């Protein structure tokens, strides 16, 4: 009895320590978010004098001022359009390519897949110059189409890798049953492969949506017209050469963070399921 009680106490102590460690890590990760929201509700003077997370006076008007002065309306719609178009393109192209690499036999299949995987090792800034030259020659620079195609290219390699890993583990009996029912290869992809790969697709959607939503450097290279820029362009309005309006900047950052947080919360159960099924490892 004493031995059993000892092991139960030891197990409980270990669990408490693990939970305390995880809570401390979670608070460390969430603190910048809390600080951003807190700063967005303070005045410029209070940010430098008041270090508490709860403001003494709440300035909710900072959000309205940030929206109007930063021109968030136009840039917000631009980012939504770019994110939906890019993520939709990546999901369609990468799922078709991954299914082809996993299930179809054709010459050069392994070589092409290795080339896609090799692209993952190239840092994104390393592709800026060839992308700029290519889009310029095609007449797609300073156009939404050029930016969307460039961003689709950025997210394809990782997405193909994740989806191919899942399709490789998918039972072939399901495809045989669909083939008996008269499904073509595209029919099997649409009716069998895509519905089963929802957890992995959720990972692909969230990762690429986050990437597109936060992208700014590539947009600066491709776009000359400020009206075509994504949402991050609005944040630069509050950052001057000598003075930065921190309350409005923090309010703008909060506005830009909310949509992607909402997307993550809506797809959280699929993301967790995708990770536990081995979506991130081969």
Protein backbone atom coordinates (compact mmCIF):
# COMPACT_ATOMS: atom_id res chain seq x y z
CA UNK A 1 0.00 0.00 0.00
CA UNK A 2 2.80 2.38 0.90
CA UNK A 3 4.58 1.64 -2.37
CA UNK A 4 1.40 2.28 -4.36
CA UNK A 5 0.77 5.55 -2.50
CA UNK A 6 4.39 6.58 -3.07
CA UNK A 7 4.17 6.02 -6.84
CA UNK A 8 0.83 7.80 -7.04
CA UNK A 9 2.28 10.81 -5.19
CA UNK A 10 5.34 10.76 -7.42
CA UNK A 11 3.21 10.58 -10.56
CA UNK A 12 1.02 13.44 -9.33
CA UNK A 13 4.09 15.57 -8.56
CA UNK A 14 5.52 14.94 -12.03
CA UNK A 15 2.19 15.83 -13.65
CA UNK A 16 1.99 19.06 -11.64
CA UNK A 17 5.53 20.02 -12.69
CA UNK A 18 4.78 19.25 -16.34
CA UNK A 19 1.58 21.32 -16.25
CA UNK A 20 3.36 24.22 -14.51
CA UNK A 21 6.05 24.14 -17.18
CA UNK A 22 3.49 24.06 -20.01
CA UNK A 23 1.49 26.91 -18.43
CA UNK A 24 4.67 29.02 -18.12
CA UNK A 25 5.52 28.35 -21.79
CA UNK A 26 1.95 29.25 -22.84
CA UNK A 27 2.05 32.49 -20.84
CA UNK A 28 5.41 33.35 -22.35
CA UNK A 29 3.98 32.89 -25.85
CA UNK A 30 0.79 34.80 -25.07
CA UNK A 31 2.44 37.72 -23.25
CA UNK A 32 3.37 39.62 -26.46
CA UNK A 33 -0.26 39.32 -27.61
CA UNK A 34 -1.54 40.65 -24.26
CA UNK A 35 1.01 43.47 -24.35
CA UNK A 36 -0.01 44.40 -27.91
CA UNK A 37 -3.71 44.60 -26.98
CA UNK A 38 -2.94 46.49 -23.80
CA UNK A 39 -0.75 49.02 -25.63
CA UNK A 40 -3.44 49.53 -28.28
CA UNK A 41 -5.77 50.82 -25.53
CA UNK A 42 -3.30 53.31 -24.03
CA UNK A 43 -2.22 56.80 -24.95
CA UNK A 44 1.23 57.55 -26.38
CA UNK A 45 2.35 58.94 -23.03
CA UNK A 46 0.94 56.04 -21.00
CA UNK A 47 2.84 53.44 -23.05
CA UNK A 48 6.16 54.82 -21.76
CA UNK A 49 5.00 55.54 -18.21
CA UNK A 50 2.50 52.78 -17.42
CA UNK A 51 4.03 49.27 -17.56
CA UNK A 52 0.90 47.44 -16.37
CA UNK A 53 -1.06 45.16 -18.71
CA UNK A 54 -4.38 46.74 -17.70
CA UNK A 55 -4.57 50.39 -18.82
CA UNK A 56 -5.79 52.94 -16.30
CA UNK A 57 -7.79 54.69 -19.03
CA UNK A 58 -9.07 52.70 -22.03
CA UNK A 59 -8.72 54.47 -25.37
CA UNK A 60 -10.99 52.42 -27.64
CA UNK A 61 -10.94 55.26 -30.17
CA UNK A 62 -7.43 54.14 -31.14
CA UNK A 63 -8.98 51.36 -33.25
CA UNK A 64 -11.23 53.75 -35.16
CA UNK A 65 -8.35 56.19 -35.70
CA UNK A 66 -6.07 53.37 -36.85
CA UNK A 67 -8.69 52.10 -39.31
CA UNK A 68 -9.32 55.56 -40.81
CA UNK A 69 -5.80 57.04 -40.75
CA UNK A 70 -4.16 53.85 -41.99
CA UNK A 71 -6.67 53.33 -44.79
CA UNK A 72 -7.33 49.81 -43.53
CA UNK A 73 -10.51 49.37 -45.56
CA UNK A 74 -8.79 49.11 -48.96
CA UNK A 75 -5.77 47.16 -47.73
CA UNK A 76 -7.95 44.79 -45.69
CA UNK A 77 -9.98 43.84 -48.77
CA UNK A 78 -6.74 43.42 -50.76
CA UNK A 79 -5.34 40.99 -48.17
CA UNK A 80 -8.57 38.99 -48.00
CA UNK A 81 -8.63 38.68 -51.80
CA UNK A 82 -4.95 37.68 -52.00
CA UNK A 83 -5.27 35.17 -49.13
CA UNK A 84 -8.37 33.46 -50.51
CA UNK A 85 -6.97 33.33 -54.06
CA UNK A 86 -3.52 32.07 -53.04
CA UNK A 87 -4.73 29.49 -50.51
CA UNK A 88 -7.39 28.24 -52.93
CA UNK A 89 -4.80 27.91 -55.71
CA UNK A 90 -2.34 26.12 -53.42
CA UNK A 91 -4.98 23.66 -52.18
CA UNK A 92 -6.10 22.72 -55.71
CA UNK A 93 -2.64 22.55 -57.33
CA UNK A 94 -0.81 20.89 -54.43
CA UNK A 95 -3.53 18.28 -53.84
CA UNK A 96 -3.59 17.34 -57.52
CA UNK A 97 0.21 17.21 -57.69
CA UNK A 98 0.50 15.27 -54.42
CA UNK A 99 -2.13 12.75 -55.53
CA UNK A 100 -0.32 12.33 -58.85
CA UNK A 101 3.04 11.79 -57.16
CA UNK A 102 1.49 9.30 -54.73
CA UNK A 103 -0.74 7.25 -57.02
CA UNK A 104 0.23 7.71 -60.66
CA UNK A 105 3.14 6.05 -62.44
CA UNK A 106 4.88 8.28 -65.01
CA UNK A 107 8.46 8.85 -66.21
CA UNK A 108 10.51 11.18 -64.04
CA UNK A 109 8.08 11.07 -61.11
CA UNK A 110 10.74 10.70 -58.44
CA UNK A 111 13.01 13.30 -60.06
CA UNK A 112 10.22 15.88 -60.22
CA UNK A 113 9.24 15.23 -56.61
CA UNK A 114 12.85 15.63 -55.48
CA UNK A 115 13.02 18.95 -57.37
CA UNK A 116 9.91 20.16 -55.55
CA UNK A 117 11.43 19.14 -52.23
CA UNK A 118 14.73 20.83 -53.11
CA UNK A 119 12.83 24.10 -53.52
CA UNK A 120 12.01 23.93 -49.80
CA UNK A 121 15.70 24.47 -49.02
CA UNK A 122 15.87 27.75 -50.95
CA UNK A 123 15.17 30.74 -48.67
CA UNK A 124 12.30 32.88 -49.91
CA UNK A 125 14.43 36.06 -50.35
CA UNK A 126 16.72 34.00 -52.60
CA UNK A 127 13.92 33.72 -55.16
CA UNK A 128 13.04 37.43 -55.23
CA UNK A 129 15.36 38.34 -58.11
CA UNK A 130 14.30 35.53 -60.50
CA UNK A 131 10.65 36.12 -59.60
CA UNK A 132 11.01 39.84 -60.32
CA UNK A 133 12.70 39.20 -63.68
CA UNK A 134 10.17 36.52 -64.69
CA UNK A 135 7.12 38.60 -63.75
CA UNK A 136 8.58 41.64 -65.50
CA UNK A 137 9.11 39.69 -68.73
CA UNK A 138 5.60 38.23 -68.56
CA UNK A 139 4.07 41.64 -67.94
CA UNK A 140 2.68 40.51 -64.59
CA UNK A 141 4.65 42.81 -62.29
CA UNK A 142 2.53 45.39 -60.47
CA UNK A 143 -0.57 43.25 -61.01
CA UNK A 144 -2.63 41.20 -58.53
CA UNK A 145 -2.28 38.16 -60.81
CA UNK A 146 1.52 38.32 -60.63
CA UNK A 147 1.51 38.58 -56.85
CA UNK A 148 -0.97 35.71 -56.47
CA UNK A 149 1.05 33.42 -58.79
CA UNK A 150 4.28 34.27 -56.93
CA UNK A 151 2.72 33.48 -53.55
CA UNK A 152 1.26 30.21 -54.85
CA UNK A 153 4.75 29.27 -55.96
CA UNK A 154 6.11 30.01 -52.48
CA UNK A 155 3.69 27.64 -50.74
CA UNK A 156 3.57 24.72 -53.17
CA UNK A 157 6.57 22.64 -52.11
CA UNK A 158 5.66 22.26 -48.44
CA UNK A 159 1.99 21.68 -49.25
CA UNK A 160 2.79 18.95 -51.78
CA UNK A 161 5.06 17.25 -49.27
CA UNK A 162 2.40 17.23 -46.53
CA UNK A 163 -0.37 15.98 -48.80
CA UNK A 164 1.74 13.32 -50.53
CA UNK A 165 2.73 11.94 -47.13
CA UNK A 166 -0.95 11.56 -46.29
CA UNK A 167 -1.95 10.09 -49.67
CA UNK A 168 0.83 7.50 -49.40
CA UNK A 169 -0.83 6.17 -46.23
CA UNK A 170 -4.35 6.18 -47.68
CA UNK A 171 -5.70 2.63 -48.18
CA UNK A 172 -5.81 1.66 -51.85
CA UNK A 173 -8.95 -0.39 -51.21
CA UNK A 174 -10.93 2.84 -51.01
CA UNK A 175 -9.78 3.80 -54.50
CA UNK A 176 -10.59 0.34 -55.83
CA UNK A 177 -14.12 0.62 -54.44
CA UNK A 178 -14.55 4.07 -56.02
CA UNK A 179 -13.19 2.77 -59.33
CA UNK A 180 -15.75 -0.08 -59.27
CA UNK A 181 -18.47 2.56 -58.77
CA UNK A 182 -17.31 4.25 -61.98
CA UNK A 183 -15.10 7.04 -60.65
CA UNK A 184 -12.30 8.34 -62.85
CA UNK A 185 -8.92 9.36 -61.41
CA UNK A 186 -10.19 12.93 -60.98
CA UNK A 187 -13.36 11.55 -59.44
CA UNK A 188 -11.34 9.55 -56.91
CA UNK A 189 -9.28 12.66 -56.09
CA UNK A 190 -12.43 14.74 -55.57
CA UNK A 191 -14.71 12.21 -53.87
CA UNK A 192 -12.21 10.12 -51.89
CA UNK A 193 -8.80 11.74 -51.47
CA UNK A 194 -9.88 15.30 -50.63
CA UNK A 195 -12.58 14.42 -48.07
CA UNK A 196 -10.21 12.06 -46.25
CA UNK A 197 -7.39 14.63 -46.22
CA UNK A 198 -9.36 17.37 -44.40
CA UNK A 199 -7.00 17.39 -41.37
CA UNK A 200 -3.94 17.83 -43.60
CA UNK A 201 -5.74 20.38 -45.77
CA UNK A 202 -6.48 22.36 -42.59
CA UNK A 203 -2.74 22.46 -41.83
CA UNK A 204 -2.02 23.56 -45.41
CA UNK A 205 -4.73 26.24 -45.31
CA UNK A 206 -3.66 27.74 -41.96
CA UNK A 207 0.08 27.70 -42.68
CA UNK A 208 -0.32 29.29 -46.11
CA UNK A 209 -2.99 31.75 -44.98
CA UNK A 210 -0.64 32.91 -42.23
CA UNK A 211 2.19 33.23 -44.75
CA UNK A 212 0.14 35.25 -47.25
CA UNK A 213 -1.55 37.41 -44.63
CA UNK A 214 1.80 38.46 -43.12
CA UNK A 215 3.69 38.91 -46.40
CA UNK A 216 5.00 42.40 -47.12
CA UNK A 217 8.54 42.27 -48.54
CA UNK A 218 7.58 40.42 -51.74
CA UNK A 219 4.62 42.78 -52.19
CA UNK A 220 6.99 45.75 -52.03
CA UNK A 221 9.10 44.21 -54.79
CA UNK A 222 6.19 43.34 -57.09
CA UNK A 223 3.88 46.32 -56.59
CA UNK A 224 4.54 49.93 -57.56
CA UNK A 225 0.93 50.99 -57.00
CA UNK A 226 0.28 51.44 -53.27
CA UNK A 227 -3.44 50.76 -53.84
CA UNK A 228 -2.58 47.12 -54.62
CA UNK A 229 -0.55 46.54 -51.45
CA UNK A 230 -1.70 44.11 -48.72
CA UNK A 231 -2.73 45.00 -45.20
CA UNK A 232 0.78 45.41 -43.80
CA UNK A 233 1.15 48.57 -45.91
CA UNK A 234 -1.35 50.31 -43.60
CA UNK A 235 0.90 49.69 -40.58
CA UNK A 236 3.72 51.73 -42.12
CA UNK A 237 1.59 54.88 -41.85
CA UNK A 238 2.11 54.93 -38.06
CA UNK A 239 5.88 54.47 -38.27
CA UNK A 240 7.62 57.75 -39.00
CA UNK A 241 11.28 58.61 -39.40
CA UNK A 242 11.56 60.16 -35.94
CA UNK A 243 8.29 59.38 -34.14
CA UNK A 244 6.21 56.20 -34.05
CA UNK A 245 2.59 56.35 -32.95
CA UNK A 246 2.67 53.21 -30.83
CA UNK A 247 -1.00 53.10 -29.71
CA UNK A 248 -2.26 53.28 -33.31
CA UNK A 249 0.45 50.88 -34.47
CA UNK A 250 -0.56 48.34 -31.79
CA UNK A 251 -4.24 48.84 -32.66
CA UNK A 252 -3.40 48.20 -36.32
CA UNK A 253 -1.42 45.08 -35.42
CA UNK A 254 -4.37 43.80 -33.38
CA UNK A 255 -6.72 44.37 -36.32
CA UNK A 256 -4.41 42.47 -38.66
CA UNK A 257 -3.95 39.59 -36.21
CA UNK A 258 -7.64 38.97 -35.48
CA UNK A 259 -8.65 37.36 -38.83
CA UNK A 260 -5.82 34.83 -38.86
CA UNK A 261 -6.48 33.97 -35.19
CA UNK A 262 -10.14 33.39 -36.08
CA UNK A 263 -9.15 31.09 -38.97
CA UNK A 264 -6.89 29.10 -36.66
CA UNK A 265 -9.61 28.74 -34.00
CA UNK A 266 -12.15 27.55 -36.58
CA UNK A 267 -9.75 24.89 -37.91
CA UNK A 268 -8.05 23.97 -34.65
CA UNK A 269 -9.61 20.51 -34.34
CA UNK A 270 -8.57 19.61 -37.89
CA UNK A 271 -5.03 20.91 -37.31
CA UNK A 272 -4.58 18.85 -34.15
CA UNK A 273 -5.94 15.78 -35.92
CA UNK A 274 -3.64 16.38 -38.89
CA UNK A 275 -0.58 16.67 -36.67
CA UNK A 276 -1.44 13.54 -34.67
CA UNK A 277 -1.94 11.57 -37.88
CA UNK A 278 1.62 12.37 -38.90
CA UNK A 279 0.93 15.18 -41.33
CA UNK A 280 4.16 16.90 -40.46
CA UNK A 281 6.44 13.89 -40.61
CA UNK A 282 7.10 11.40 -43.33
